[in-house]
């Protein structure tokens, strides 16, 4: 044992039963004076029962969740916007590919249509020639 005595210090707390929310190191006229050990950094693990401080870290209430800050809200919105933007870019790419496929099919149909019209014209000419032969033979 080194012979040193553990130093104590005085703090002032509000006369509210329950876990401490804070304390003062200077005398407060409306507060209760309590003597504690020099290292009182874990004050949130102490509760006041109306007469004395009790160290009770196992039963400390969970802190209330804090609402998100404006920056956190904006960061979350930015994430959502980026996600929507990437989905829109994928949709745009898919639509461009579909459009190219439709153009290819339309070109193919236009060629078929042109060939069909040419064949119809040739058939009309043949029918006309046959009619003329029939009329000339009569």
N, C-alpha and C. Protein backbone atom coordinates (compact mmCIF):
# COMPACT_ATOMS: atom_id res chain seq x y z
N UNK A 1 0.84 -1.17 0.00
CA UNK A 1 0.00 0.00 0.00
C UNK A 1 0.89 1.24 0.00
N UNK A 2 0.56 2.20 -0.80
CA UNK A 2 1.43 3.36 -0.95
C UNK A 2 1.15 4.46 0.07
N UNK A 3 0.18 4.33 0.89
CA UNK A 3 -0.09 5.29 1.94
C UNK A 3 -0.89 6.50 1.48
N UNK A 4 -1.17 6.58 0.20
CA UNK A 4 -1.96 7.71 -0.28
C UNK A 4 -3.43 7.47 0.01
N UNK A 5 -4.06 8.50 0.43
CA UNK A 5 -5.49 8.43 0.67
C UNK A 5 -6.22 8.88 -0.58
N UNK A 6 -7.27 8.18 -0.92
CA UNK A 6 -8.05 8.54 -2.10
C UNK A 6 -8.72 9.88 -1.85
N UNK A 7 -8.53 10.81 -2.79
CA UNK A 7 -9.13 12.14 -2.64
C UNK A 7 -10.60 12.09 -3.03
N UNK A 8 -11.36 12.86 -2.31
CA UNK A 8 -12.77 13.01 -2.64
C UNK A 8 -13.00 14.43 -3.12
N UNK A 9 -14.10 14.62 -3.82
CA UNK A 9 -14.46 15.96 -4.26
C UNK A 9 -15.95 16.15 -4.04
N UNK A 10 -16.35 17.39 -3.99
CA UNK A 10 -17.76 17.70 -3.80
C UNK A 10 -18.37 18.05 -5.15
N UNK A 11 -19.58 17.56 -5.35
CA UNK A 11 -20.35 17.93 -6.54
C UNK A 11 -21.74 18.35 -6.07
N UNK A 12 -22.46 19.02 -6.96
CA UNK A 12 -23.83 19.43 -6.65
C UNK A 12 -24.74 18.86 -7.73
N UNK A 13 -25.81 18.21 -7.27
CA UNK A 13 -26.76 17.58 -8.20
C UNK A 13 -28.16 18.10 -7.90
N UNK A 14 -29.03 17.97 -8.90
CA UNK A 14 -30.44 18.33 -8.70
C UNK A 14 -31.09 17.26 -7.85
N UNK A 15 -32.07 17.66 -7.05
CA UNK A 15 -32.78 16.72 -6.18
C UNK A 15 -33.88 16.02 -6.98
N UNK A 16 -33.46 15.23 -7.96
CA UNK A 16 -34.39 14.49 -8.81
C UNK A 16 -34.00 13.02 -8.70
N UNK A 17 -34.96 12.20 -8.26
CA UNK A 17 -34.67 10.77 -8.13
C UNK A 17 -34.48 10.16 -9.51
N UNK A 18 -33.48 9.30 -9.63
CA UNK A 18 -33.19 8.63 -10.89
C UNK A 18 -31.74 8.85 -11.27
N UNK A 19 -31.40 8.43 -12.48
CA UNK A 19 -30.02 8.52 -12.95
C UNK A 19 -29.63 9.96 -13.20
N UNK A 20 -28.36 10.26 -12.90
CA UNK A 20 -27.87 11.63 -13.06
C UNK A 20 -27.80 12.00 -14.53
N UNK A 21 -28.21 13.22 -14.82
CA UNK A 21 -28.08 13.76 -16.17
C UNK A 21 -26.86 14.67 -16.27
N UNK A 22 -26.34 15.06 -15.11
CA UNK A 22 -25.19 15.94 -15.06
C UNK A 22 -24.95 16.36 -13.63
N UNK A 23 -23.92 17.16 -13.42
CA UNK A 23 -23.60 17.66 -12.08
C UNK A 23 -22.79 18.93 -12.22
N UNK A 24 -22.70 19.68 -11.12
CA UNK A 24 -21.91 20.91 -11.09
C UNK A 24 -20.75 20.71 -10.12
N UNK A 25 -19.63 21.35 -10.41
CA UNK A 25 -18.48 21.27 -9.52
C UNK A 25 -18.35 22.54 -8.68
N UNK A 26 -19.23 23.49 -8.95
CA UNK A 26 -19.28 24.71 -8.14
C UNK A 26 -20.59 24.70 -7.38
N UNK A 27 -20.58 25.27 -6.21
CA UNK A 27 -21.77 25.26 -5.36
C UNK A 27 -22.96 25.89 -6.09
N UNK A 28 -24.09 25.18 -5.99
CA UNK A 28 -25.34 25.65 -6.59
C UNK A 28 -26.36 25.78 -5.46
N UNK A 29 -26.99 26.95 -5.31
CA UNK A 29 -27.88 27.16 -4.18
C UNK A 29 -29.07 26.20 -4.14
N UNK A 30 -29.61 25.79 -5.27
CA UNK A 30 -30.80 24.94 -5.31
C UNK A 30 -30.44 23.45 -5.35
N UNK A 31 -29.15 23.12 -5.43
CA UNK A 31 -28.73 21.73 -5.62
C UNK A 31 -28.28 21.10 -4.30
N UNK A 32 -28.13 19.78 -4.33
CA UNK A 32 -27.71 19.00 -3.17
C UNK A 32 -26.21 18.74 -3.27
N UNK A 33 -25.50 18.97 -2.18
CA UNK A 33 -24.06 18.72 -2.16
C UNK A 33 -23.81 17.25 -1.83
N UNK A 34 -22.96 16.61 -2.66
CA UNK A 34 -22.63 15.19 -2.46
C UNK A 34 -21.12 15.05 -2.59
N UNK A 35 -20.51 14.19 -1.76
CA UNK A 35 -19.08 13.94 -1.85
C UNK A 35 -18.86 12.65 -2.63
N UNK A 36 -17.97 12.72 -3.63
CA UNK A 36 -17.69 11.56 -4.49
C UNK A 36 -16.19 11.40 -4.63
N UNK A 37 -15.77 10.25 -5.19
CA UNK A 37 -14.35 10.02 -5.46
C UNK A 37 -13.86 10.99 -6.52
N UNK A 38 -12.53 11.18 -6.55
CA UNK A 38 -11.95 12.15 -7.48
C UNK A 38 -12.27 11.81 -8.93
N UNK A 39 -12.26 10.52 -9.27
CA UNK A 39 -12.58 10.12 -10.64
C UNK A 39 -14.08 9.82 -10.72
N UNK A 40 -14.81 10.81 -11.12
CA UNK A 40 -16.27 10.67 -11.19
C UNK A 40 -16.72 10.80 -12.65
N UNK A 41 -15.90 10.29 -13.57
CA UNK A 41 -16.19 10.48 -15.00
C UNK A 41 -17.36 9.63 -15.48
N UNK A 42 -17.69 8.56 -14.77
CA UNK A 42 -18.82 7.73 -15.21
C UNK A 42 -20.08 8.07 -14.42
N UNK A 43 -20.32 9.37 -14.23
CA UNK A 43 -21.45 9.82 -13.40
C UNK A 43 -22.79 9.31 -13.91
N UNK A 44 -22.90 9.03 -15.20
CA UNK A 44 -24.19 8.59 -15.76
C UNK A 44 -24.58 7.19 -15.27
N UNK A 45 -23.67 6.48 -14.59
CA UNK A 45 -23.98 5.16 -14.02
C UNK A 45 -24.49 5.26 -12.58
N UNK A 46 -24.60 6.48 -12.07
CA UNK A 46 -25.09 6.70 -10.71
C UNK A 46 -26.53 7.18 -10.75
N UNK A 47 -27.28 6.74 -9.74
CA UNK A 47 -28.65 7.26 -9.61
C UNK A 47 -28.84 7.80 -8.21
N UNK A 48 -29.68 8.78 -8.11
CA UNK A 48 -29.99 9.42 -6.83
C UNK A 48 -31.30 8.83 -6.34
N UNK A 49 -31.30 8.31 -5.10
CA UNK A 49 -32.53 7.71 -4.57
C UNK A 49 -33.26 8.64 -3.61
N UNK A 50 -32.83 9.88 -3.56
CA UNK A 50 -33.45 10.85 -2.66
C UNK A 50 -32.61 11.11 -1.43
N UNK A 51 -31.70 10.17 -1.09
CA UNK A 51 -30.84 10.35 0.09
C UNK A 51 -29.37 10.12 -0.21
N UNK A 52 -29.08 9.26 -1.19
CA UNK A 52 -27.67 8.97 -1.50
C UNK A 52 -27.52 8.56 -2.97
N UNK A 53 -26.26 8.65 -3.44
CA UNK A 53 -25.93 8.19 -4.80
C UNK A 53 -25.67 6.70 -4.77
N UNK A 54 -26.20 5.99 -5.74
CA UNK A 54 -26.02 4.54 -5.84
C UNK A 54 -25.41 4.24 -7.20
N UNK A 55 -24.30 3.50 -7.19
CA UNK A 55 -23.66 3.09 -8.45
C UNK A 55 -24.44 1.89 -8.99
N UNK A 56 -25.05 2.03 -10.17
CA UNK A 56 -25.93 0.99 -10.71
C UNK A 56 -25.83 0.95 -12.23
N UNK A 57 -24.66 0.54 -12.79
CA UNK A 57 -24.49 0.59 -14.25
C UNK A 57 -25.34 -0.42 -15.01
N UNK A 58 -25.80 -1.50 -14.36
CA UNK A 58 -26.56 -2.52 -15.08
C UNK A 58 -27.96 -2.05 -15.47
N UNK A 59 -28.49 -1.08 -14.75
CA UNK A 59 -29.87 -0.67 -14.99
C UNK A 59 -30.00 0.73 -15.59
N UNK A 60 -28.91 1.24 -16.15
CA UNK A 60 -28.97 2.57 -16.77
C UNK A 60 -29.96 2.52 -17.92
N UNK A 61 -30.91 3.45 -17.95
CA UNK A 61 -31.87 3.44 -19.06
C UNK A 61 -31.18 3.74 -20.39
N UNK A 62 -31.71 3.13 -21.43
CA UNK A 62 -31.17 3.38 -22.77
C UNK A 62 -31.53 4.81 -23.17
N UNK A 63 -30.61 5.51 -23.80
CA UNK A 63 -30.91 6.88 -24.21
C UNK A 63 -31.97 6.89 -25.31
N UNK A 64 -32.77 7.94 -25.32
CA UNK A 64 -33.78 8.11 -26.36
C UNK A 64 -33.05 8.31 -27.69
N UNK A 65 -33.56 7.69 -28.75
CA UNK A 65 -32.91 7.93 -30.04
C UNK A 65 -33.11 9.39 -30.45
N UNK A 66 -32.05 9.97 -30.94
CA UNK A 66 -32.14 11.37 -31.35
C UNK A 66 -32.67 11.44 -32.77
N UNK A 67 -33.48 12.45 -33.05
CA UNK A 67 -33.96 12.58 -34.43
C UNK A 67 -32.79 12.91 -35.35
N UNK A 68 -32.89 12.50 -36.60
CA UNK A 68 -31.78 12.76 -37.52
C UNK A 68 -31.58 14.26 -37.74
N UNK A 69 -30.35 14.64 -37.95
CA UNK A 69 -30.04 16.05 -38.24
C UNK A 69 -30.43 16.35 -39.68
N UNK A 70 -30.46 17.63 -40.01
CA UNK A 70 -30.77 18.03 -41.39
C UNK A 70 -29.78 17.42 -42.36
N UNK A 71 -28.51 17.37 -41.96
CA UNK A 71 -27.48 16.80 -42.83
C UNK A 71 -27.75 15.31 -43.06
N UNK A 72 -28.11 14.59 -41.98
CA UNK A 72 -28.40 13.16 -42.12
C UNK A 72 -29.61 12.93 -43.01
N UNK A 73 -30.64 13.78 -42.86
CA UNK A 73 -31.83 13.66 -43.70
C UNK A 73 -31.45 13.90 -45.16
N UNK A 74 -30.66 14.94 -45.40
CA UNK A 74 -30.24 15.25 -46.78
C UNK A 74 -29.37 14.14 -47.35
N UNK A 75 -28.49 13.56 -46.53
CA UNK A 75 -27.65 12.46 -47.01
C UNK A 75 -28.51 11.26 -47.39
N UNK A 76 -29.54 10.97 -46.60
CA UNK A 76 -30.44 9.85 -46.90
C UNK A 76 -31.21 10.13 -48.19
N UNK A 77 -31.68 11.37 -48.35
CA UNK A 77 -32.40 11.73 -49.57
C UNK A 77 -31.47 11.64 -50.78
N UNK A 78 -30.22 12.04 -50.61
CA UNK A 78 -29.25 11.95 -51.70
C UNK A 78 -29.04 10.50 -52.11
N UNK A 79 -28.95 9.60 -51.11
CA UNK A 79 -28.82 8.17 -51.42
C UNK A 79 -30.00 7.68 -52.24
N UNK A 80 -31.22 8.08 -51.82
CA UNK A 80 -32.43 7.66 -52.54
C UNK A 80 -32.44 8.21 -53.96
N UNK A 81 -32.03 9.47 -54.12
CA UNK A 81 -31.99 10.09 -55.45
C UNK A 81 -30.98 9.37 -56.34
N UNK A 82 -29.82 9.04 -55.77
CA UNK A 82 -28.80 8.33 -56.56
C UNK A 82 -29.31 6.95 -56.98
N UNK A 83 -30.03 6.28 -56.08
CA UNK A 83 -30.59 4.97 -56.40
C UNK A 83 -31.62 5.10 -57.52
N UNK A 84 -32.52 6.09 -57.40
CA UNK A 84 -33.52 6.31 -58.45
C UNK A 84 -32.84 6.67 -59.77
N UNK A 85 -31.80 7.49 -59.71
CA UNK A 85 -31.09 7.88 -60.91
C UNK A 85 -30.47 6.67 -61.60
N UNK A 86 -29.87 5.77 -60.82
CA UNK A 86 -29.27 4.58 -61.43
C UNK A 86 -30.34 3.70 -62.05
N UNK A 87 -31.51 3.60 -61.40
CA UNK A 87 -32.61 2.82 -61.98
C UNK A 87 -33.09 3.46 -63.28
N UNK A 88 -33.19 4.79 -63.29
CA UNK A 88 -33.62 5.49 -64.52
C UNK A 88 -32.59 5.29 -65.64
N UNK A 89 -31.32 5.30 -65.28
CA UNK A 89 -30.28 5.09 -66.30
C UNK A 89 -30.38 3.68 -66.89
N UNK A 90 -30.66 2.69 -66.04
CA UNK A 90 -30.82 1.32 -66.53
C UNK A 90 -32.05 1.22 -67.43
N UNK A 91 -33.15 1.87 -67.02
CA UNK A 91 -34.36 1.87 -67.85
C UNK A 91 -34.10 2.54 -69.18
N UNK A 92 -33.36 3.66 -69.16
CA UNK A 92 -33.04 4.38 -70.39
C UNK A 92 -32.22 3.49 -71.32
N UNK A 93 -31.24 2.79 -70.78
CA UNK A 93 -30.42 1.89 -71.58
C UNK A 93 -31.26 0.77 -72.19
N UNK A 94 -32.15 0.19 -71.38
CA UNK A 94 -33.02 -0.89 -71.87
C UNK A 94 -33.93 -0.37 -72.98
N UNK A 95 -34.47 0.84 -72.80
CA UNK A 95 -35.35 1.41 -73.83
C UNK A 95 -34.59 1.70 -75.12
N UNK A 96 -33.34 2.16 -75.01
CA UNK A 96 -32.53 2.41 -76.21
C UNK A 96 -32.27 1.10 -76.95
N UNK A 97 -31.99 0.03 -76.20
CA UNK A 97 -31.77 -1.27 -76.84
C UNK A 97 -33.04 -1.75 -77.53
N UNK A 98 -34.18 -1.61 -76.84
CA UNK A 98 -35.46 -2.00 -77.46
C UNK A 98 -35.72 -1.17 -78.70
N UNK A 99 -35.42 0.12 -78.64
CA UNK A 99 -35.63 1.01 -79.78
C UNK A 99 -34.79 0.57 -80.97
N UNK A 100 -33.54 0.19 -80.71
CA UNK A 100 -32.67 -0.29 -81.79
C UNK A 100 -33.24 -1.58 -82.41
N UNK A 101 -33.72 -2.48 -81.54
CA UNK A 101 -34.32 -3.72 -82.05
C UNK A 101 -35.55 -3.42 -82.89
N UNK A 102 -36.37 -2.48 -82.43
CA UNK A 102 -37.58 -2.12 -83.19
C UNK A 102 -37.21 -1.47 -84.52
N UNK A 103 -36.16 -0.65 -84.53
CA UNK A 103 -35.71 -0.04 -85.79
C UNK A 103 -35.27 -1.12 -86.77
N UNK A 104 -34.53 -2.10 -86.26
CA UNK A 104 -34.07 -3.20 -87.12
C UNK A 104 -35.27 -3.96 -87.69
N UNK A 105 -36.26 -4.24 -86.83
CA UNK A 105 -37.46 -4.94 -87.30
C UNK A 105 -38.24 -4.08 -88.28
N UNK A 106 -38.32 -2.78 -88.01
CA UNK A 106 -39.04 -1.87 -88.92
C UNK A 106 -38.35 -1.82 -90.28
N UNK A 107 -37.01 -1.79 -90.27
CA UNK A 107 -36.27 -1.80 -91.54
C UNK A 107 -36.55 -3.09 -92.31
N UNK A 108 -36.58 -4.21 -91.58
CA UNK A 108 -36.88 -5.49 -92.21
C UNK A 108 -38.29 -5.49 -92.80
N UNK A 109 -39.26 -4.96 -92.06
CA UNK A 109 -40.64 -4.89 -92.57
C UNK A 109 -40.73 -3.95 -93.77
N UNK A 110 -39.98 -2.86 -93.76
CA UNK A 110 -39.98 -1.93 -94.89
C UNK A 110 -39.44 -2.62 -96.14
N UNK A 111 -38.39 -3.44 -95.98
CA UNK A 111 -37.84 -4.18 -97.13
C UNK A 111 -38.86 -5.19 -97.66
N UNK A 112 -39.51 -5.89 -96.72
CA UNK A 112 -40.55 -6.85 -97.13
C UNK A 112 -41.67 -6.12 -97.85
N UNK A 113 -42.07 -4.97 -97.33
CA UNK A 113 -43.14 -4.18 -97.95
C UNK A 113 -42.73 -3.74 -99.36
N UNK A 114 -41.49 -3.27 -99.50
CA UNK A 114 -41.02 -2.82 -100.82
C UNK A 114 -41.01 -3.99 -101.80
N UNK A 115 -40.52 -5.17 -101.37
CA UNK A 115 -40.52 -6.34 -102.25
C UNK A 115 -41.94 -6.75 -102.61
N UNK A 116 -42.84 -6.68 -101.61
CA UNK A 116 -44.24 -7.05 -101.87
C UNK A 116 -44.86 -6.10 -102.89
N UNK A 117 -44.61 -4.81 -102.73
CA UNK A 117 -45.17 -3.83 -103.67
C UNK A 117 -44.60 -4.04 -105.08
N UNK A 118 -43.32 -4.37 -105.16
CA UNK A 118 -42.70 -4.64 -106.45
C UNK A 118 -43.32 -5.87 -107.10
N UNK A 119 -43.54 -6.93 -106.27
CA UNK A 119 -44.16 -8.15 -106.79
C UNK A 119 -45.60 -7.87 -107.22
N UNK A 120 -46.32 -7.08 -106.43
CA UNK A 120 -47.71 -6.73 -106.79
C UNK A 120 -47.71 -5.97 -108.11
N UNK A 121 -46.78 -5.03 -108.25
CA UNK A 121 -46.70 -4.25 -109.50
C UNK A 121 -46.39 -5.17 -110.68
N UNK A 122 -45.45 -6.10 -110.48
CA UNK A 122 -45.12 -7.05 -111.55
C UNK A 122 -46.33 -7.92 -111.88
N UNK A 123 -47.04 -8.38 -110.84
CA UNK A 123 -48.23 -9.21 -111.07
C UNK A 123 -49.32 -8.40 -111.78
N UNK A 124 -49.48 -7.13 -111.39
CA UNK A 124 -50.46 -6.28 -112.08
C UNK A 124 -50.11 -6.13 -113.56
N UNK A 125 -48.81 -5.96 -113.81
CA UNK A 125 -48.38 -5.85 -115.21
C UNK A 125 -48.65 -7.14 -115.98
N UNK A 126 -48.40 -8.28 -115.33
CA UNK A 126 -48.67 -9.57 -115.98
C UNK A 126 -50.16 -9.73 -116.24
N UNK A 127 -50.99 -9.36 -115.23
CA UNK A 127 -52.46 -9.46 -115.41
C UNK A 127 -52.89 -8.55 -116.56
N UNK A 128 -52.34 -7.35 -116.60
CA UNK A 128 -52.68 -6.40 -117.67
C UNK A 128 -52.28 -6.97 -119.04
N UNK A 129 -51.11 -7.58 -119.10
CA UNK A 129 -50.64 -8.16 -120.37
C UNK A 129 -51.53 -9.31 -120.79
N UNK A 130 -51.94 -10.14 -119.81
CA UNK A 130 -52.82 -11.27 -120.11
C UNK A 130 -54.16 -10.75 -120.60
N UNK A 131 -54.69 -9.70 -119.97
CA UNK A 131 -55.97 -9.12 -120.38
C UNK A 131 -55.87 -8.60 -121.82
N UNK A 132 -54.76 -7.95 -122.11
CA UNK A 132 -54.59 -7.41 -123.45
C UNK A 132 -54.52 -8.53 -124.49
N UNK A 133 -53.88 -9.64 -124.14
CA UNK A 133 -53.81 -10.77 -125.06
C UNK A 133 -55.19 -11.35 -125.28
N UNK A 134 -55.95 -11.46 -124.16
CA UNK A 134 -57.30 -12.02 -124.27
C UNK A 134 -58.17 -11.10 -125.10
N UNK A 135 -58.11 -9.82 -124.89
CA UNK A 135 -58.92 -8.86 -125.64
C UNK A 135 -58.46 -8.82 -127.10
N UNK A 136 -57.19 -9.01 -127.34
CA UNK A 136 -56.66 -9.00 -128.72
C UNK A 136 -57.03 -10.27 -129.46
N UNK A 137 -57.26 -11.34 -128.77
CA UNK A 137 -57.60 -12.60 -129.39
C UNK A 137 -59.07 -12.63 -129.72
N UNK A 138 -59.86 -11.82 -129.18
CA UNK A 138 -61.30 -11.87 -129.43
C UNK A 138 -61.65 -11.19 -130.66
